[in-house]
């Protein structure tokens, strides 16, 4: 596999619909064209089962349903990218803090849920086959550190976790046999998490090709911890390793004026000052570039060429009115309370006006 210089652009169509524009060296261009020009070669696209309320209200954050996934996948394939399909097995955000069952799967037994994972994965891949957009890689679940499909697959219910994940993997092997399978956890600097999770999955007959890690320096420990975990995973499991989500800020300046959301309805940046203080790089364009250079250099250290690349998380999620992490219906589904707005705009690879930032040049020039 080529070294992956990848980007998750799942909200890009929404940003564009809301008026987002992108520029490189002063010239307006399609965002995918810009990413391609900086040696980008893979795109990651998430899909939620049914990100709408019973009344048909969108949950927000890009309306990442199957239809929109297909349209974006066609677009990225046409632009010359391969792509990673990110299956959440939930109707909205799934991460270590929330892994809720799709509405249609509520009330099912463990056996029925296992079949539902297999069927949903199969159905998505059959549509991809029909549309000639089969992904080069499939992520079976998203940030599975605390399991999936709660409460049945919540850690430490590793028997059920393995059943569910293996069902998804089985469908990939049968309906997209040329696609590599990724299993993805968060907290990429935590060796103990990865050993416990993957030991349990392996011991239950788990089958996978790639370990995916999230690494956000304001949440997930030091670069030294990331290096140690990557080296340990490579030796312990013999699998290829990809940092499936990574980002860091380019500024701490407010983007409230761009969002046009009132203060009481605006969540603001995830990288609050107390979190930014944990990062050994300044939240500046130059600091962001130095950060990704350091991450890429660590991947290069992984033996036997097993450090296979990165996906920058949401580099095109610039602040525009109408594009946020969740609408009210979405808050209710994930059992959280608003407010809304964009939490990630200062971690994009474009500034608030849509201008390409120096970190893209670092990615382009990196030689694995």
Protein backbone atom coordinates (compact mmCIF):
# COMPACT_ATOMS: atom_id res chain seq x y z
CA UNK A 1 0.00 0.00 0.00
CA UNK A 2 1.21 3.50 -0.86
CA UNK A 3 1.84 5.92 2.00
CA UNK A 4 -1.50 7.55 2.72
CA UNK A 5 -1.78 11.32 2.75
CA UNK A 6 -5.45 11.34 3.54
CA UNK A 7 -8.22 13.68 4.60
CA UNK A 8 -11.66 13.19 6.14
CA UNK A 9 -13.91 15.64 4.28
CA UNK A 10 -17.29 14.24 5.34
CA UNK A 11 -18.77 17.70 5.99
CA UNK A 12 -17.36 19.30 2.83
CA UNK A 13 -20.60 19.17 0.78
CA UNK A 14 -22.46 20.88 3.62
CA UNK A 15 -19.77 23.55 3.99
CA UNK A 16 -20.02 24.24 0.28
CA UNK A 17 -23.82 24.42 0.40
CA UNK A 18 -23.51 26.94 3.23
CA UNK A 19 -21.21 29.17 1.19
CA UNK A 20 -17.74 27.89 1.99
CA UNK A 21 -15.07 28.71 -0.60
CA UNK A 22 -11.48 27.56 -0.85
CA UNK A 23 -8.33 29.23 -2.13
CA UNK A 24 -4.73 28.34 -2.80
CA UNK A 25 -2.22 31.14 -3.32
CA UNK A 26 -5.09 33.54 -3.84
CA UNK A 27 -6.89 31.52 -6.50
CA UNK A 28 -10.30 30.00 -5.80
CA UNK A 29 -10.42 26.28 -6.51
CA UNK A 30 -12.41 23.19 -5.63
CA UNK A 31 -11.29 21.96 -2.20
CA UNK A 32 -10.58 18.45 -3.48
CA UNK A 33 -8.48 19.88 -6.30
CA UNK A 34 -6.42 21.76 -3.73
CA UNK A 35 -5.94 18.70 -1.53
CA UNK A 36 -4.93 16.64 -4.56
CA UNK A 37 -2.39 19.27 -5.58
CA UNK A 38 -0.72 18.82 -2.18
CA UNK A 39 -0.16 15.12 -2.86
CA UNK A 40 -3.38 13.97 -1.21
CA UNK A 41 -4.26 10.45 -2.31
CA UNK A 42 -6.99 9.14 0.02
CA UNK A 43 -10.27 10.51 1.38
CA UNK A 44 -12.18 9.22 4.41
CA UNK A 45 -15.99 9.39 4.39
CA UNK A 46 -18.24 8.51 7.33
CA UNK A 47 -21.71 7.04 7.03
CA UNK A 48 -24.44 6.97 9.66
CA UNK A 49 -27.35 4.58 9.46
CA UNK A 50 -30.22 7.07 9.68
CA UNK A 51 -29.18 10.58 10.81
CA UNK A 52 -32.71 11.99 10.93
CA UNK A 53 -35.37 12.16 13.62
CA UNK A 54 -38.68 10.32 13.32
CA UNK A 55 -40.09 13.64 12.11
CA UNK A 56 -37.46 13.83 9.37
CA UNK A 57 -35.29 16.48 11.02
CA UNK A 58 -31.60 16.27 10.14
CA UNK A 59 -29.17 15.60 12.95
CA UNK A 60 -26.65 17.88 11.21
CA UNK A 61 -22.88 17.61 10.74
CA UNK A 62 -23.12 16.92 7.06
CA UNK A 63 -26.17 14.64 6.85
CA UNK A 64 -23.81 11.68 6.46
CA UNK A 65 -26.39 9.20 5.24
CA UNK A 66 -25.87 6.55 2.60
CA UNK A 67 -27.08 8.69 -0.31
CA UNK A 68 -24.74 11.56 0.53
CA UNK A 69 -21.88 9.13 1.08
CA UNK A 70 -22.38 7.72 -2.41
CA UNK A 71 -22.37 11.17 -4.00
CA UNK A 72 -19.22 12.24 -2.17
CA UNK A 73 -17.48 8.95 -2.93
CA UNK A 74 -18.22 9.37 -6.64
CA UNK A 75 -16.77 12.85 -6.48
CA UNK A 76 -13.55 11.83 -4.74
CA UNK A 77 -13.05 8.88 -7.06
CA UNK A 78 -13.47 11.18 -10.05
CA UNK A 79 -10.92 13.54 -8.51
CA UNK A 80 -8.37 10.72 -8.42
CA UNK A 81 -8.51 9.64 -4.78
CA UNK A 82 -8.97 6.21 -3.25
CA UNK A 83 -11.19 6.23 -0.19
CA UNK A 84 -11.84 4.82 3.25
CA UNK A 85 -15.42 3.97 4.20
CA UNK A 86 -16.01 4.78 7.89
CA UNK A 87 -18.97 2.77 9.21
CA UNK A 88 -20.22 4.02 12.59
CA UNK A 89 -23.11 1.56 13.16
CA UNK A 90 -25.08 4.37 14.76
CA UNK A 91 -27.44 7.06 13.54
CA UNK A 92 -25.05 9.86 14.53
CA UNK A 93 -21.62 10.43 16.09
CA UNK A 94 -20.06 7.27 17.53
CA UNK A 95 -16.94 7.71 19.67
CA UNK A 96 -15.66 6.55 23.09
CA UNK A 97 -18.24 8.73 24.83
CA UNK A 98 -21.27 7.56 22.84
CA UNK A 99 -22.02 4.45 20.81
CA UNK A 100 -25.79 4.33 20.53
CA UNK A 101 -27.80 1.78 18.64
CA UNK A 102 -29.44 2.86 15.39
CA UNK A 103 -33.12 3.52 16.00
CA UNK A 104 -34.09 0.65 13.71
CA UNK A 105 -32.02 -1.80 15.77
CA UNK A 106 -33.45 -0.98 19.19
CA UNK A 107 -35.05 -3.98 20.90
CA UNK A 108 -32.99 -6.53 18.99
CA UNK A 109 -31.23 -9.45 20.68
CA UNK A 110 -27.46 -9.85 20.49
CA UNK A 111 -27.90 -12.44 17.74
CA UNK A 112 -30.14 -10.08 15.77
CA UNK A 113 -27.70 -7.21 16.22
CA UNK A 114 -24.86 -9.37 14.91
CA UNK A 115 -26.93 -10.10 11.82
CA UNK A 116 -27.88 -6.43 11.49
CA UNK A 117 -24.22 -5.40 11.39
CA UNK A 118 -23.52 -7.98 8.71
CA UNK A 119 -26.58 -6.98 6.66
CA UNK A 120 -25.95 -3.24 6.87
CA UNK A 121 -22.30 -3.65 5.90
CA UNK A 122 -23.28 -5.93 3.02
CA UNK A 123 -25.97 -3.53 1.82
CA UNK A 124 -23.61 -0.55 1.82
CA UNK A 125 -20.94 -2.45 -0.07
CA UNK A 126 -23.41 -3.82 -2.60
CA UNK A 127 -24.49 -0.25 -3.36
CA UNK A 128 -20.83 0.75 -3.70
CA UNK A 129 -20.32 -2.14 -6.10
CA UNK A 130 -23.35 -1.12 -8.14
CA UNK A 131 -22.16 2.50 -8.28
CA UNK A 132 -18.56 1.46 -9.10
CA UNK A 133 -17.16 3.14 -5.98
CA UNK A 134 -15.95 0.22 -3.86
CA UNK A 135 -13.59 1.65 -1.21
CA UNK A 136 -9.98 0.62 -0.95
CA UNK A 137 -10.42 0.31 2.80
CA UNK A 138 -13.33 -0.21 5.18
CA UNK A 139 -13.38 0.86 8.81
CA UNK A 140 -15.61 -1.48 10.81
CA UNK A 141 -16.79 0.82 13.59
CA UNK A 142 -15.53 4.22 14.71
CA UNK A 143 -13.28 4.79 17.74
CA UNK A 144 -14.21 1.48 19.35
CA UNK A 145 -12.15 2.01 22.53
CA UNK A 146 -15.25 1.60 24.71
CA UNK A 147 -16.97 -0.80 22.34
CA UNK A 148 -19.95 -0.22 20.06
CA UNK A 149 -23.73 -0.57 20.00
CA UNK A 150 -24.22 0.09 23.68
CA UNK A 151 -25.16 -1.43 26.05
CA UNK A 152 -24.64 -4.85 24.46
CA UNK A 153 -21.19 -4.15 23.06
CA UNK A 154 -19.85 -1.86 25.77
CA UNK A 155 -16.44 -2.67 27.28
CA UNK A 156 -15.84 -5.09 29.00
CA UNK A 157 -18.41 -7.08 26.98
CA UNK A 158 -15.67 -8.30 24.64
CA UNK A 159 -17.58 -11.40 23.57
CA UNK A 160 -20.32 -9.22 22.09
CA UNK A 161 -17.86 -6.64 20.77
CA UNK A 162 -16.05 -9.38 18.88
CA UNK A 163 -19.31 -10.81 17.53
CA UNK A 164 -20.43 -7.45 16.18
CA UNK A 165 -17.09 -6.40 14.70
CA UNK A 166 -16.42 -9.83 13.21
CA UNK A 167 -19.83 -9.70 11.52
CA UNK A 168 -18.88 -6.45 9.82
CA UNK A 169 -15.46 -7.79 8.84
CA UNK A 170 -17.05 -10.95 7.41
CA UNK A 171 -19.28 -8.84 5.17
CA UNK A 172 -16.29 -6.85 3.93
CA UNK A 173 -14.36 -10.02 3.13
CA UNK A 174 -17.32 -11.39 1.16
CA UNK A 175 -18.56 -8.29 -0.66
CA UNK A 176 -15.37 -6.20 -1.01
CA UNK A 177 -12.60 -8.80 -0.93
CA UNK A 178 -10.01 -6.37 -2.29
CA UNK A 179 -10.70 -3.79 0.44
CA UNK A 180 -8.49 -3.73 3.50
CA UNK A 181 -10.16 -3.84 6.91
CA UNK A 182 -9.35 -1.24 9.54
CA UNK A 183 -10.20 -1.45 13.25
CA UNK A 184 -10.04 2.00 14.83
CA UNK A 185 -9.58 3.14 18.43
CA UNK A 186 -9.02 6.60 19.87
CA UNK A 187 -6.31 7.74 22.34
CA UNK A 188 -3.36 6.82 20.16
CA UNK A 189 -0.85 7.50 22.92
CA UNK A 190 -2.19 4.84 25.31
CA UNK A 191 -0.48 1.46 24.99
CA UNK A 192 -2.62 -0.22 27.64
CA UNK A 193 -5.84 0.55 25.79
CA UNK A 194 -4.60 -0.96 22.54
CA UNK A 195 -3.17 -4.07 24.19
CA UNK A 196 -6.37 -4.79 26.11
CA UNK A 197 -8.68 -4.19 23.17
CA UNK A 198 -6.75 -5.94 20.43
CA UNK A 199 -5.64 -8.83 22.66
CA UNK A 200 -9.29 -9.50 23.46
CA UNK A 201 -10.32 -9.21 19.81
CA UNK A 202 -7.46 -11.41 18.60
CA UNK A 203 -8.14 -14.03 21.24
CA UNK A 204 -11.74 -14.23 20.03
CA UNK A 205 -10.72 -14.91 16.45
CA UNK A 206 -10.74 -11.30 15.27
CA UNK A 207 -9.61 -10.66 11.72
CA UNK A 208 -8.26 -7.33 10.48
CA UNK A 209 -5.55 -5.77 8.33
CA UNK A 210 -4.91 -2.30 9.73
CA UNK A 211 -4.92 -0.71 13.16
CA UNK A 212 -6.33 2.80 12.97
CA UNK A 213 -5.56 5.30 15.71
CA UNK A 214 -6.90 8.73 16.60
CA UNK A 215 -4.29 11.16 17.85
CA UNK A 216 -5.26 14.63 18.98
CA UNK A 217 -2.37 16.11 21.01
CA UNK A 218 -4.67 18.07 23.30
CA UNK A 219 -6.51 14.86 24.36
CA UNK A 220 -4.32 11.85 23.64
CA UNK A 221 -1.01 12.34 25.38
CA UNK A 222 2.47 13.11 24.14
CA UNK A 223 4.14 12.41 20.85
CA UNK A 224 6.43 10.09 22.78
CA UNK A 225 3.39 8.12 23.87
CA UNK A 226 2.16 7.93 20.29
CA UNK A 227 5.56 6.68 19.12
CA UNK A 228 5.69 4.03 21.85
CA UNK A 229 2.20 2.78 21.03
CA UNK A 230 2.85 2.60 17.30
CA UNK A 231 6.06 0.64 17.85
CA UNK A 232 4.38 -1.69 20.33
CA UNK A 233 1.39 -2.33 18.06
CA UNK A 234 3.65 -3.06 15.09
CA UNK A 235 5.60 -5.63 17.07
CA UNK A 236 2.71 -7.14 19.03
CA UNK A 237 0.19 -7.54 16.19
CA UNK A 238 2.25 -7.35 12.99
CA UNK A 239 -0.36 -5.14 11.32
CA UNK A 240 -0.10 -1.97 9.28
CA UNK A 241 -0.81 1.24 11.20
CA UNK A 242 -2.62 4.38 10.10
CA UNK A 243 -3.40 7.47 12.14
CA UNK A 244 -7.02 7.55 11.04
CA UNK A 245 -7.77 10.87 12.74
CA UNK A 246 -5.28 13.63 13.50
CA UNK A 247 -5.39 17.41 13.72
CA UNK A 248 -4.11 20.45 15.59
CA UNK A 249 -5.10 24.09 15.58
CA UNK A 250 -3.65 26.91 13.49
CA UNK A 251 -5.04 29.70 15.67
CA UNK A 252 -6.86 30.37 18.91
CA UNK A 253 -8.71 33.36 17.49
CA UNK A 254 -12.49 33.24 17.68
CA UNK A 255 -14.47 32.44 14.55
CA UNK A 256 -17.80 33.57 15.98
CA UNK A 257 -18.22 36.28 13.38
CA UNK A 258 -17.96 33.68 10.60
CA UNK A 259 -20.54 31.34 12.09
CA UNK A 260 -23.10 34.04 12.86
CA UNK A 261 -24.40 32.07 15.83
CA UNK A 262 -25.37 33.80 19.06
CA UNK A 263 -23.07 33.20 22.02
CA UNK A 264 -25.68 31.20 23.94
CA UNK A 265 -26.15 28.87 20.95
CA UNK A 266 -22.50 28.50 20.01
CA UNK A 267 -20.27 25.78 21.39
CA UNK A 268 -16.96 27.26 20.29
CA UNK A 269 -13.63 25.56 19.60
CA UNK A 270 -12.86 22.17 21.13
CA UNK A 271 -9.30 23.36 21.73
CA UNK A 272 -10.01 25.52 24.74
CA UNK A 273 -7.00 27.41 26.15
CA UNK A 274 -6.41 24.87 28.93
CA UNK A 275 -6.22 22.07 26.32
CA UNK A 276 -4.08 24.07 23.90
CA UNK A 277 -1.59 24.59 26.74
CA UNK A 278 -0.91 20.82 26.74
CA UNK A 279 0.36 20.87 23.15
CA UNK A 280 4.12 21.43 22.61
CA UNK A 281 3.44 23.48 19.48
CA UNK A 282 1.89 26.94 19.27
CA UNK A 283 -1.57 27.16 17.75
CA UNK A 284 -0.31 29.05 14.72
CA UNK A 285 -0.03 28.09 11.05
CA UNK A 286 3.66 27.37 11.59
CA UNK A 287 2.99 25.39 14.75
CA UNK A 288 0.38 23.30 12.97
CA UNK A 289 2.87 22.57 10.18
CA UNK A 290 5.59 21.60 12.68
CA UNK A 291 3.14 19.30 14.46
CA UNK A 292 2.21 17.29 11.40
CA UNK A 293 5.86 17.08 10.39
CA UNK A 294 6.61 15.51 13.79
CA UNK A 295 3.74 13.02 13.42
CA UNK A 296 4.84 12.00 9.94
CA UNK A 297 8.42 11.54 11.15
CA UNK A 298 7.20 9.20 13.90
CA UNK A 299 5.31 7.08 11.37
CA UNK A 300 8.51 6.77 9.39
CA UNK A 301 10.19 5.21 12.43
CA UNK A 302 7.80 2.25 12.55
CA UNK A 303 9.74 -0.88 11.48
CA UNK A 304 9.13 -2.83 8.29
CA UNK A 305 7.35 0.12 6.67
CA UNK A 306 4.22 -0.56 8.76
CA UNK A 307 3.50 3.12 9.43
CA UNK A 308 1.22 3.66 6.44
CA UNK A 309 -0.08 7.19 6.74
CA UNK A 310 -2.57 9.68 8.14
CA UNK A 311 -6.04 11.08 7.65
CA UNK A 312 -6.32 14.70 8.76
CA UNK A 313 -9.72 15.03 10.36
CA UNK A 314 -12.03 17.53 8.67
CA UNK A 315 -9.47 19.86 7.04
CA UNK A 316 -12.23 21.61 5.08
CA UNK A 317 -14.64 22.24 7.97
CA UNK A 318 -14.21 25.99 7.90
CA UNK A 319 -16.68 28.23 9.77
CA UNK A 320 -19.74 29.10 7.74
CA UNK A 321 -23.29 29.87 8.86
CA UNK A 322 -25.38 26.72 9.06
CA UNK A 323 -22.69 24.05 9.41
CA UNK A 324 -22.25 22.71 12.93
CA UNK A 325 -21.58 19.54 14.89
CA UNK A 326 -25.27 18.87 15.61
CA UNK A 327 -28.79 20.20 15.28
CA UNK A 328 -31.29 19.92 18.13
CA UNK A 329 -32.53 16.54 16.92
CA UNK A 330 -28.94 15.34 16.88
CA UNK A 331 -28.30 16.55 20.42
CA UNK A 332 -31.29 14.59 21.61
CA UNK A 333 -30.16 11.41 19.87
CA UNK A 334 -26.70 11.48 21.50
CA UNK A 335 -28.15 12.46 24.89
CA UNK A 336 -26.29 15.74 24.92
CA UNK A 337 -27.45 19.30 25.23
CA UNK A 338 -26.45 21.98 22.75
CA UNK A 339 -25.32 24.53 21.85
CA UNK A 340 -24.29 23.97 18.28
CA UNK A 341 -21.86 25.46 15.84
CA UNK A 342 -18.51 24.26 14.57
CA UNK A 343 -16.04 22.94 17.17
CA UNK A 344 -13.29 22.24 14.65
CA UNK A 345 -12.81 25.31 12.46
CA UNK A 346 -9.48 26.32 13.99
CA UNK A 347 -8.10 22.84 13.25
CA UNK A 348 -8.83 22.85 9.53
CA UNK A 349 -6.05 23.01 6.95
CA UNK A 350 -7.59 26.19 5.60
CA UNK A 351 -7.94 29.43 7.52
CA UNK A 352 -11.32 30.92 8.34
CA UNK A 353 -11.48 32.56 4.90
CA UNK A 354 -10.68 29.28 3.14
CA UNK A 355 -7.01 29.88 2.35
CA UNK A 356 -4.71 26.84 2.27
CA UNK A 357 -2.31 26.68 5.22
CA UNK A 358 1.40 25.73 5.38
CA UNK A 359 0.75 22.28 6.89
CA UNK A 360 -0.43 21.17 3.46
CA UNK A 361 3.00 21.88 2.05
CA UNK A 362 4.58 19.72 4.77
CA UNK A 363 2.26 16.87 3.81
CA UNK A 364 3.10 17.31 0.14
CA UNK A 365 6.85 17.30 0.68
CA UNK A 366 7.00 14.38 3.11
CA UNK A 367 8.73 11.30 1.75
CA UNK A 368 7.91 8.04 3.54
